[in-house]
Amino acid sequence: MRTDPVELVRRLKKEDGPQGKDIWLCGGGTLAGALIEEIDQLIFKSYPVLAGAGVPALGGNFRPALFNPVRRQEFSNGAQVTWFDRV
């Protein structure tokens, strides 16, 4: 049985308890693009390596959304993690 990811996330957000509070999506640019209206925070990891190809962070047909950077952590190897909250 296939479940619509948008409906699943909306249902989980309405539940009481920890399931309705934190939903974590890792990878999958197409899935992230489909869920952009439901995403409250983005966390991007970046590395000082140029690979030339890869999976887009957001894919598919989605409407642009505004996010503000709220935190950044840098590591000695040049990697960074940046948190963005929905405006």
PDB file of N, CA and C in Angstrom:
ATOM      1  N   MET A   1       0.829  -1.169   0.000  1.00  0.00           N
ATOM      2  CA  MET A   1       0.000   0.000   0.000  1.00  0.00           C
ATOM      3  C   MET A   1       0.884   1.248   0.000  1.00  0.00           C
ATOM      4  N   ARG A   2       0.629   2.162  -0.916  1.00  0.00           N
ATOM      5  CA  ARG A   2       1.388   3.405  -1.004  1.00  0.00           C
ATOM      6  C   ARG A   2       0.640   4.509  -0.265  1.00  0.00           C
ATOM      7  N   THR A   3       1.373   5.336   0.432  1.00  0.00           N
ATOM      8  CA  THR A   3       0.787   6.422   1.192  1.00  0.00           C
ATOM      9  C   THR A   3       1.264   7.745   0.613  1.00  0.00           C
ATOM     10  N   ASP A   4       0.370   8.705   0.479  1.00  0.00           N
ATOM     11  CA  ASP A   4       0.729  10.043   0.036  1.00  0.00           C
ATOM     12  C   ASP A   4       1.600  10.670   1.128  1.00  0.00           C
ATOM     13  N   PRO A   5       2.844  11.054   0.815  1.00  0.00           N
ATOM     14  CA  PRO A   5       3.739  11.559   1.859  1.00  0.00           C
ATOM     15  C   PRO A   5       3.231  12.847   2.511  1.00  0.00           C
ATOM     16  N   VAL A   6       2.573  13.719   1.749  1.00  0.00           N
ATOM     17  CA  VAL A   6       2.062  14.964   2.317  1.00  0.00           C
ATOM     18  C   VAL A   6       0.975  14.659   3.338  1.00  0.00           C
ATOM     19  N   GLU A   7       0.057  13.784   2.987  1.00  0.00           N
ATOM     20  CA  GLU A   7      -1.011  13.424   3.912  1.00  0.00           C
ATOM     21  C   GLU A   7      -0.463  12.717   5.153  1.00  0.00           C
ATOM     22  N   LEU A   8       0.538  11.860   4.956  1.00  0.00           N
ATOM     23  CA  LEU A   8       1.150  11.163   6.091  1.00  0.00           C
ATOM     24  C   LEU A   8       1.781  12.161   7.057  1.00  0.00           C
ATOM     25  N   VAL A   9       2.546  13.127   6.549  1.00  0.00           N
ATOM     26  CA  VAL A   9       3.190  14.118   7.406  1.00  0.00           C
ATOM     27  C   VAL A   9       2.142  14.969   8.119  1.00  0.00           C
ATOM     28  N   ARG A  10       1.110  15.381   7.411  1.00  0.00           N
ATOM     29  CA  ARG A  10       0.052  16.175   8.047  1.00  0.00           C
ATOM     30  C   ARG A  10      -0.627  15.395   9.167  1.00  0.00           C
ATOM     31  N   ARG A  11      -0.865  14.106   8.932  1.00  0.00           N
ATOM     32  CA  ARG A  11      -1.489  13.271   9.961  1.00  0.00           C
ATOM     33  C   ARG A  11      -0.566  13.129  11.166  1.00  0.00           C
ATOM     34  N   LEU A  12       0.731  12.894  10.929  1.00  0.00           N
ATOM     35  CA  LEU A  12       1.683  12.755  12.031  1.00  0.00           C
ATOM     36  C   LEU A  12       1.793  14.046  12.841  1.00  0.00           C
ATOM     37  N   LYS A  13       1.764  15.198  12.172  1.00  0.00           N
ATOM     38  CA  LYS A  13       1.869  16.476  12.872  1.00  0.00           C
ATOM     39  C   LYS A  13       0.694  16.701  13.816  1.00  0.00           C
ATOM     40  N   LYS A  14      -0.450  16.133  13.515  1.00  0.00           N
ATOM     41  CA  LYS A  14      -1.648  16.308  14.338  1.00  0.00           C
ATOM     42  C   LYS A  14      -1.685  15.373  15.541  1.00  0.00           C
ATOM     43  N   GLU A  15      -0.850  14.322  15.542  1.00  0.00           N
ATOM     44  CA  GLU A  15      -0.876  13.346  16.634  1.00  0.00           C
ATOM     45  C   GLU A  15      -0.310  13.932  17.918  1.00  0.00           C
ATOM     46  N   ASP A  16      -0.826  13.443  19.035  1.00  0.00           N
ATOM     47  CA  ASP A  16      -0.275  13.802  20.336  1.00  0.00           C
ATOM     48  C   ASP A  16       1.018  13.031  20.552  1.00  0.00           C
ATOM     49  N   GLY A  17       1.876  13.571  21.377  1.00  0.00           N
ATOM     50  CA  GLY A  17       3.109  12.873  21.709  1.00  0.00           C
ATOM     51  C   GLY A  17       4.233  13.224  20.758  1.00  0.00           C
ATOM     52  N   PRO A  18       5.359  12.521  20.880  1.00  0.00           N
ATOM     53  CA  PRO A  18       6.565  12.871  20.122  1.00  0.00           C
ATOM     54  C   PRO A  18       6.410  12.723  18.608  1.00  0.00           C
ATOM     55  N   GLN A  19       5.512  11.845  18.134  1.00  0.00           N
ATOM     56  CA  GLN A  19       5.365  11.662  16.698  1.00  0.00           C
ATOM     57  C   GLN A  19       4.921  12.946  16.017  1.00  0.00           C
ATOM     58  N   GLY A  20       4.083  13.733  16.682  1.00  0.00           N
ATOM     59  CA  GLY A  20       3.558  14.947  16.090  1.00  0.00           C
ATOM     60  C   GLY A  20       4.465  16.147  16.226  1.00  0.00           C
ATOM     61  N   LYS A  21       5.584  16.012  16.921  1.00  0.00           N
ATOM     62  CA  LYS A  21       6.445  17.156  17.172  1.00  0.00           C
ATOM     63  C   LYS A  21       7.660  17.209  16.255  1.00  0.00           C
ATOM     64  N   ASP A  22       8.365  16.130  16.096  1.00  0.00           N
ATOM     65  CA  ASP A  22       9.587  16.129  15.298  1.00  0.00           C
ATOM     66  C   ASP A  22       9.511  15.046  14.231  1.00  0.00           C
ATOM     67  N   ILE A  23       9.510  15.476  12.994  1.00  0.00           N
ATOM     68  CA  ILE A  23       9.541  14.550  11.859  1.00  0.00           C
ATOM     69  C   ILE A  23      10.801  14.882  11.086  1.00  0.00           C
ATOM     70  N   TRP A  24      11.647  13.910  10.886  1.00  0.00           N
ATOM     71  CA  TRP A  24      12.947  14.114  10.275  1.00  0.00           C
ATOM     72  C   TRP A  24      12.957  13.487   8.896  1.00  0.00           C
ATOM     73  N   LEU A  25      13.304  14.277   7.874  1.00  0.00           N
ATOM     74  CA  LEU A  25      13.436  13.794   6.506  1.00  0.00           C
ATOM     75  C   LEU A  25      14.894  13.918   6.115  1.00  0.00           C
ATOM     76  N   CYS A  26      15.509  12.813   5.751  1.00  0.00           N
ATOM     77  CA  CYS A  26      16.907  12.820   5.327  1.00  0.00           C
ATOM     78  C   CYS A  26      16.991  12.518   3.844  1.00  0.00           C
ATOM     79  N   GLY A  27      17.681  13.403   3.120  1.00  0.00           N
ATOM     80  CA  GLY A  27      17.895  13.164   1.698  1.00  0.00           C
ATOM     81  C   GLY A  27      16.607  13.188   0.911  1.00  0.00           C
ATOM     82  N   GLY A  28      16.687  12.817  -0.330  1.00  0.00           N
ATOM     83  CA  GLY A  28      15.503  12.728  -1.175  1.00  0.00           C
ATOM     84  C   GLY A  28      14.968  14.067  -1.607  1.00  0.00           C
ATOM     85  N   GLY A  29      15.614  14.706  -2.579  1.00  0.00           N
ATOM     86  CA  GLY A  29      15.205  16.017  -3.053  1.00  0.00           C
ATOM     87  C   GLY A  29      13.795  16.065  -3.606  1.00  0.00           C
ATOM     88  N   THR A  30      13.357  15.003  -4.259  1.00  0.00           N
ATOM     89  CA  THR A  30      12.001  14.971  -4.798  1.00  0.00           C
ATOM     90  C   THR A  30      10.984  14.927  -3.667  1.00  0.00           C
ATOM     91  N   LEU A  31      11.250  14.108  -2.659  1.00  0.00           N
ATOM     92  CA  LEU A  31      10.358  14.027  -1.506  1.00  0.00           C
ATOM     93  C   LEU A  31      10.345  15.356  -0.749  1.00  0.00           C
ATOM     94  N   ALA A  32      11.503  15.962  -0.551  1.00  0.00           N
ATOM     95  CA  ALA A  32      11.575  17.254   0.139  1.00  0.00           C
ATOM     96  C   ALA A  32      10.803  18.318  -0.637  1.00  0.00           C
ATOM     97  N   GLY A  33      10.906  18.304  -1.963  1.00  0.00           N
ATOM     98  CA  GLY A  33      10.157  19.255  -2.782  1.00  0.00           C
ATOM     99  C   GLY A  33       8.662  19.064  -2.638  1.00  0.00           C
ATOM    100  N   ALA A  34       8.220  17.813  -2.570  1.00  0.00           N
ATOM    101  CA  ALA A  34       6.792  17.524  -2.401  1.00  0.00           C
ATOM    102  C   ALA A  34       6.299  17.975  -1.034  1.00  0.00           C
ATOM    103  N   LEU A  35       7.177  17.956  -0.038  1.00  0.00           N
ATOM    104  CA  LEU A  35       6.793  18.282   1.338  1.00  0.00           C
ATOM    105  C   LEU A  35       7.118  19.713   1.744  1.00  0.00           C
ATOM    106  N   ILE A  36       7.572  20.560   0.814  1.00  0.00           N
ATOM    107  CA  ILE A  36       8.067  21.888   1.184  1.00  0.00           C
ATOM    108  C   ILE A  36       7.059  22.697   1.998  1.00  0.00           C
ATOM    109  N   GLU A  37       5.777  22.550   1.750  1.00  0.00           N
ATOM    110  CA  GLU A  37       4.773  23.298   2.510  1.00  0.00           C
ATOM    111  C   GLU A  37       4.681  22.827   3.964  1.00  0.00           C
ATOM    112  N   GLU A  38       5.154  21.627   4.248  1.00  0.00           N
ATOM    113  CA  GLU A  38       5.085  21.051   5.598  1.00  0.00           C
ATOM    114  C   GLU A  38       6.388  21.190   6.368  1.00  0.00           C
ATOM    115  N   ILE A  39       7.433  21.664   5.721  1.00  0.00           N
ATOM    116  CA  ILE A  39       8.756  21.751   6.350  1.00  0.00           C
ATOM    117  C   ILE A  39       8.868  23.042   7.152  1.00  0.00           C
ATOM    118  N   ASP A  40       9.173  22.906   8.447  1.00  0.00           N
ATOM    119  CA  ASP A  40       9.324  24.052   9.345  1.00  0.00           C
ATOM    120  C   ASP A  40      10.780  24.470   9.503  1.00  0.00           C
ATOM    121  N   GLN A  41      11.692  23.513   9.321  1.00  0.00           N
ATOM    122  CA  GLN A  41      13.118  23.794   9.491  1.00  0.00           C
ATOM    123  C   GLN A  41      13.912  22.950   8.509  1.00  0.00           C
ATOM    124  N   LEU A  42      14.917  23.583   7.903  1.00  0.00           N
ATOM    125  CA  LEU A  42      15.856  22.882   7.031  1.00  0.00           C
ATOM    126  C   LEU A  42      17.204  22.822   7.737  1.00  0.00           C
ATOM    127  N   ILE A  43      17.893  21.709   7.586  1.00  0.00           N
ATOM    128  CA  ILE A  43      19.253  21.573   8.109  1.00  0.00           C
ATOM    129  C   ILE A  43      20.119  21.112   6.943  1.00  0.00           C
ATOM    130  N   PHE A  44      21.052  21.961   6.536  1.00  0.00           N
ATOM    131  CA  PHE A  44      21.934  21.635   5.419  1.00  0.00           C
ATOM    132  C   PHE A  44      23.345  21.385   5.929  1.00  0.00           C
ATOM    133  N   LYS A  45      23.924  20.309   5.453  1.00  0.00           N
ATOM    134  CA  LYS A  45      25.331  20.007   5.720  1.00  0.00           C
ATOM    135  C   LYS A  45      26.096  20.291   4.438  1.00  0.00           C
ATOM    136  N   SER A  46      27.235  20.936   4.560  1.00  0.00           N
ATOM    137  CA  SER A  46      28.059  21.191   3.380  1.00  0.00           C
ATOM    138  C   SER A  46      29.508  20.833   3.691  1.00  0.00           C
ATOM    139  N   TYR A  47      30.176  20.410   2.655  1.00  0.00           N
ATOM    140  CA  TYR A  47      31.547  19.933   2.778  1.00  0.00           C
ATOM    141  C   TYR A  47      32.403  20.640   1.729  1.00  0.00           C
ATOM    142  N   PRO A  48      33.669  20.891   2.030  1.00  0.00           N
ATOM    143  CA  PRO A  48      34.533  21.583   1.078  1.00  0.00           C
ATOM    144  C   PRO A  48      35.056  20.638  -0.013  1.00  0.00           C
ATOM    145  N   VAL A  49      34.118  19.970  -0.698  1.00  0.00           N
ATOM    146  CA  VAL A  49      34.471  19.035  -1.763  1.00  0.00           C
ATOM    147  C   VAL A  49      33.577  19.327  -2.950  1.00  0.00           C
ATOM    148  N   LEU A  50      34.141  19.433  -4.133  1.00  0.00           N
ATOM    149  CA  LEU A  50      33.363  19.642  -5.346  1.00  0.00           C
ATOM    150  C   LEU A  50      33.205  18.305  -6.038  1.00  0.00           C
ATOM    151  N   ALA A  51      31.964  17.768  -6.069  1.00  0.00           N
ATOM    152  CA  ALA A  51      31.729  16.433  -6.594  1.00  0.00           C
ATOM    153  C   ALA A  51      31.280  16.436  -8.052  1.00  0.00           C
ATOM    154  N   GLY A  52      30.607  17.476  -8.504  1.00  0.00           N
ATOM    155  CA  GLY A  52      30.209  17.548  -9.906  1.00  0.00           C
ATOM    156  C   GLY A  52      28.836  16.976 -10.216  1.00  0.00           C
ATOM    157  N   ALA A  53      28.288  16.178  -9.358  1.00  0.00           N
ATOM    158  CA  ALA A  53      26.960  15.607  -9.582  1.00  0.00           C
ATOM    159  C   ALA A  53      26.384  15.212  -8.227  1.00  0.00           C
ATOM    160  N   GLY A  54      25.088  15.011  -8.208  1.00  0.00           N
ATOM    161  CA  GLY A  54      24.477  14.600  -6.951  1.00  0.00           C
ATOM    162  C   GLY A  54      22.977  14.773  -6.979  1.00  0.00           C
ATOM    163  N   VAL A  55      22.373  14.548  -5.851  1.00  0.00           N
ATOM    164  CA  VAL A  55      20.924  14.657  -5.707  1.00  0.00           C
ATOM    165  C   VAL A  55      20.589  16.099  -5.353  1.00  0.00           C
ATOM    166  N   PRO A  56      19.627  16.724  -6.059  1.00  0.00           N
ATOM    167  CA  PRO A  56      19.239  18.090  -5.696  1.00  0.00           C
ATOM    168  C   PRO A  56      18.632  18.125  -4.296  1.00  0.00           C
ATOM    169  N   ALA A  57      18.832  19.220  -3.584  1.00  0.00           N
ATOM    170  CA  ALA A  57      18.257  19.366  -2.247  1.00  0.00           C
ATOM    171  C   ALA A  57      16.740  19.378  -2.326  1.00  0.00           C
ATOM    172  N   LEU A  58      16.196  20.023  -3.344  1.00  0.00           N
ATOM    173  CA  LEU A  58      14.745  20.082  -3.561  1.00  0.00           C
ATOM    174  C   LEU A  58      14.492  19.840  -5.041  1.00  0.00           C
ATOM    175  N   GLY A  59      13.558  18.980  -5.332  1.00  0.00           N
ATOM    176  CA  GLY A  59      13.246  18.686  -6.720  1.00  0.00           C
ATOM    177  C   GLY A  59      11.757  18.655  -6.958  1.00  0.00           C
ATOM    178  N   GLY A  60      11.383  18.446  -8.188  1.00  0.00           N
ATOM    179  CA  GLY A  60       9.970  18.361  -8.527  1.00  0.00           C
ATOM    180  C   GLY A  60       9.354  19.735  -8.667  1.00  0.00           C
ATOM    181  N   ASN A  61       8.047  19.780  -8.678  1.00  0.00           N
ATOM    182  CA  ASN A  61       7.309  21.034  -8.800  1.00  0.00           C
ATOM    183  C   ASN A  61       6.937  21.535  -7.413  1.00  0.00           C
ATOM    184  N   PHE A  62       7.657  22.521  -6.931  1.00  0.00           N
ATOM    185  CA  PHE A  62       7.359  23.088  -5.623  1.00  0.00           C
ATOM    186  C   PHE A  62       7.386  24.599  -5.735  1.00  0.00           C
ATOM    187  N   ARG A  63       6.721  25.258  -4.803  1.00  0.00           N
ATOM    188  CA  ARG A  63       6.736  26.720  -4.760  1.00  0.00           C
ATOM    189  C   ARG A  63       7.857  27.164  -3.834  1.00  0.00           C
ATOM    190  N   PRO A  64       8.610  28.185  -4.231  1.00  0.00           N
ATOM    191  CA  PRO A  64       9.664  28.693  -3.354  1.00  0.00           C
ATOM    192  C   PRO A  64       9.098  29.105  -1.992  1.00  0.00           C
ATOM    193  N   ALA A  65       9.895  28.938  -0.956  1.00  0.00           N
ATOM    194  CA  ALA A  65       9.515  29.281   0.407  1.00  0.00           C
ATOM    195  C   ALA A  65      10.681  30.002   1.072  1.00  0.00           C
ATOM    196  N   LEU A  66      10.370  30.940   1.948  1.00  0.00           N
ATOM    197  CA  LEU A  66      11.412  31.704   2.629  1.00  0.00           C
ATOM    198  C   LEU A  66      11.813  31.040   3.942  1.00  0.00           C
ATOM    199  N   PHE A  67      13.124  30.945   4.147  1.00  0.00           N
ATOM    200  CA  PHE A  67      13.708  30.426   5.384  1.00  0.00           C
ATOM    201  C   PHE A  67      14.831  31.366   5.794  1.00  0.00           C
ATOM    202  N   ASN A  68      15.004  31.559   7.094  1.00  0.00           N
ATOM    203  CA  ASN A  68      16.107  32.364   7.626  1.00  0.00           C
ATOM    204  C   ASN A  68      17.124  31.469   8.310  1.00  0.00           C
ATOM    205  N   PRO A  69      18.424  31.741   8.100  1.00  0.00           N
ATOM    206  CA  PRO A  69      19.427  30.982   8.848  1.00  0.00           C
ATOM    207  C   PRO A  69      19.365  31.380  10.320  1.00  0.00           C
ATOM    208  N   VAL A  70      19.355  30.376  11.200  1.00  0.00           N
ATOM    209  CA  VAL A  70      19.261  30.647  12.635  1.00  0.00           C
ATOM    210  C   VAL A  70      20.463  30.129  13.420  1.00  0.00           C
ATOM    211  N   ARG A  71      21.245  29.259  12.784  1.00  0.00           N
ATOM    212  CA  ARG A  71      22.402  28.691  13.485  1.00  0.00           C
ATOM    213  C   ARG A  71      23.350  28.083  12.459  1.00  0.00           C
ATOM    214  N   ARG A  72      24.642  28.169  12.736  1.00  0.00           N
ATOM    215  CA  ARG A  72      25.642  27.532  11.881  1.00  0.00           C
ATOM    216  C   ARG A  72      26.744  26.981  12.765  1.00  0.00           C
ATOM    217  N   GLN A  73      27.155  25.772  12.453  1.00  0.00           N
ATOM    218  CA  GLN A  73      28.280  25.174  13.165  1.00  0.00           C
ATOM    219  C   GLN A  73      29.336  24.811  12.128  1.00  0.00           C
ATOM    220  N   GLU A  74      30.546  25.252  12.375  1.00  0.00           N
ATOM    221  CA  GLU A  74      31.656  24.963  11.479  1.00  0.00           C
ATOM    222  C   GLU A  74      32.614  24.007  12.165  1.00  0.00           C
ATOM    223  N   PHE A  75      33.228  23.142  11.367  1.00  0.00           N
ATOM    224  CA  PHE A  75      34.145  22.133  11.873  1.00  0.00           C
ATOM    225  C   PHE A  75      35.542  22.373  11.308  1.00  0.00           C
ATOM    226  N   SER A  76      36.548  21.841  11.979  1.00  0.00           N
ATOM    227  CA  SER A  76      37.936  22.101  11.596  1.00  0.00           C
ATOM    228  C   SER A  76      38.280  21.576  10.201  1.00  0.00           C
ATOM    229  N   ASN A  77      37.516  20.618   9.675  1.00  0.00           N
ATOM    230  CA  ASN A  77      37.786  20.090   8.335  1.00  0.00           C
ATOM    231  C   ASN A  77      37.090  20.901   7.242  1.00  0.00           C
ATOM    232  N   GLY A  78      36.417  22.007   7.621  1.00  0.00           N
ATOM    233  CA  GLY A  78      35.744  22.863   6.654  1.00  0.00           C
ATOM    234  C   GLY A  78      34.273  22.544   6.459  1.00  0.00           C
ATOM    235  N   ALA A  79      33.807  21.454   7.013  1.00  0.00           N
ATOM    236  CA  ALA A  79      32.386  21.109   6.916  1.00  0.00           C
ATOM    237  C   ALA A  79      31.572  22.100   7.745  1.00  0.00           C
ATOM    238  N   GLN A  80      30.326  22.321   7.313  1.00  0.00           N
ATOM    239  CA  GLN A  80      29.417  23.214   8.026  1.00  0.00           C
ATOM    240  C   GLN A  80      28.036  22.588   8.099  1.00  0.00           C
ATOM    241  N   VAL A  81      27.323  22.898   9.175  1.00  0.00           N
ATOM    242  CA  VAL A  81      25.915  22.540   9.305  1.00  0.00           C
ATOM    243  C   VAL A  81      25.187  23.852   9.566  1.00  0.00           C
ATOM    244  N   THR A  82      24.144  24.130   8.778  1.00  0.00           N
ATOM    245  CA  THR A  82      23.373  25.343   8.920  1.00  0.00           C
ATOM    246  C   THR A  82      21.904  25.002   9.095  1.00  0.00           C
ATOM    247  N   TRP A  83      21.275  25.631  10.089  1.00  0.00           N
ATOM    248  CA  TRP A  83      19.853  25.441  10.372  1.00  0.00           C
ATOM    249  C   TRP A  83      19.095  26.649   9.836  1.00  0.00           C
ATOM    250  N   PHE A  84      17.989  26.403   9.162  1.00  0.00           N
ATOM    251  CA  PHE A  84      17.130  27.454   8.606  1.00  0.00           C
ATOM    252  C   PHE A  84      15.710  27.237   9.112  1.00  0.00           C
ATOM    253  N   ASP A  85      15.069  28.278   9.652  1.00  0.00           N
ATOM    254  CA  ASP A  85      13.674  28.197  10.087  1.00  0.00           C
ATOM    255  C   ASP A  85      12.794  28.902   9.078  1.00  0.00           C
ATOM    256  N   ARG A  86      11.607  28.350   8.884  1.00  0.00           N
ATOM    257  CA  ARG A  86      10.638  28.958   7.973  1.00  0.00           C
ATOM    258  C   ARG A  86      10.268  30.346   8.485  1.00  0.00           C
ATOM    259  N   VAL A  87      10.170  31.294   7.563  1.00  0.00           N
ATOM    260  CA  VAL A  87       9.785  32.674   7.903  1.00  0.00           C
ATOM    261  C   VAL A  87       8.292  32.717   8.109  1.00  0.00           C
TER     262      VAL A  87
END
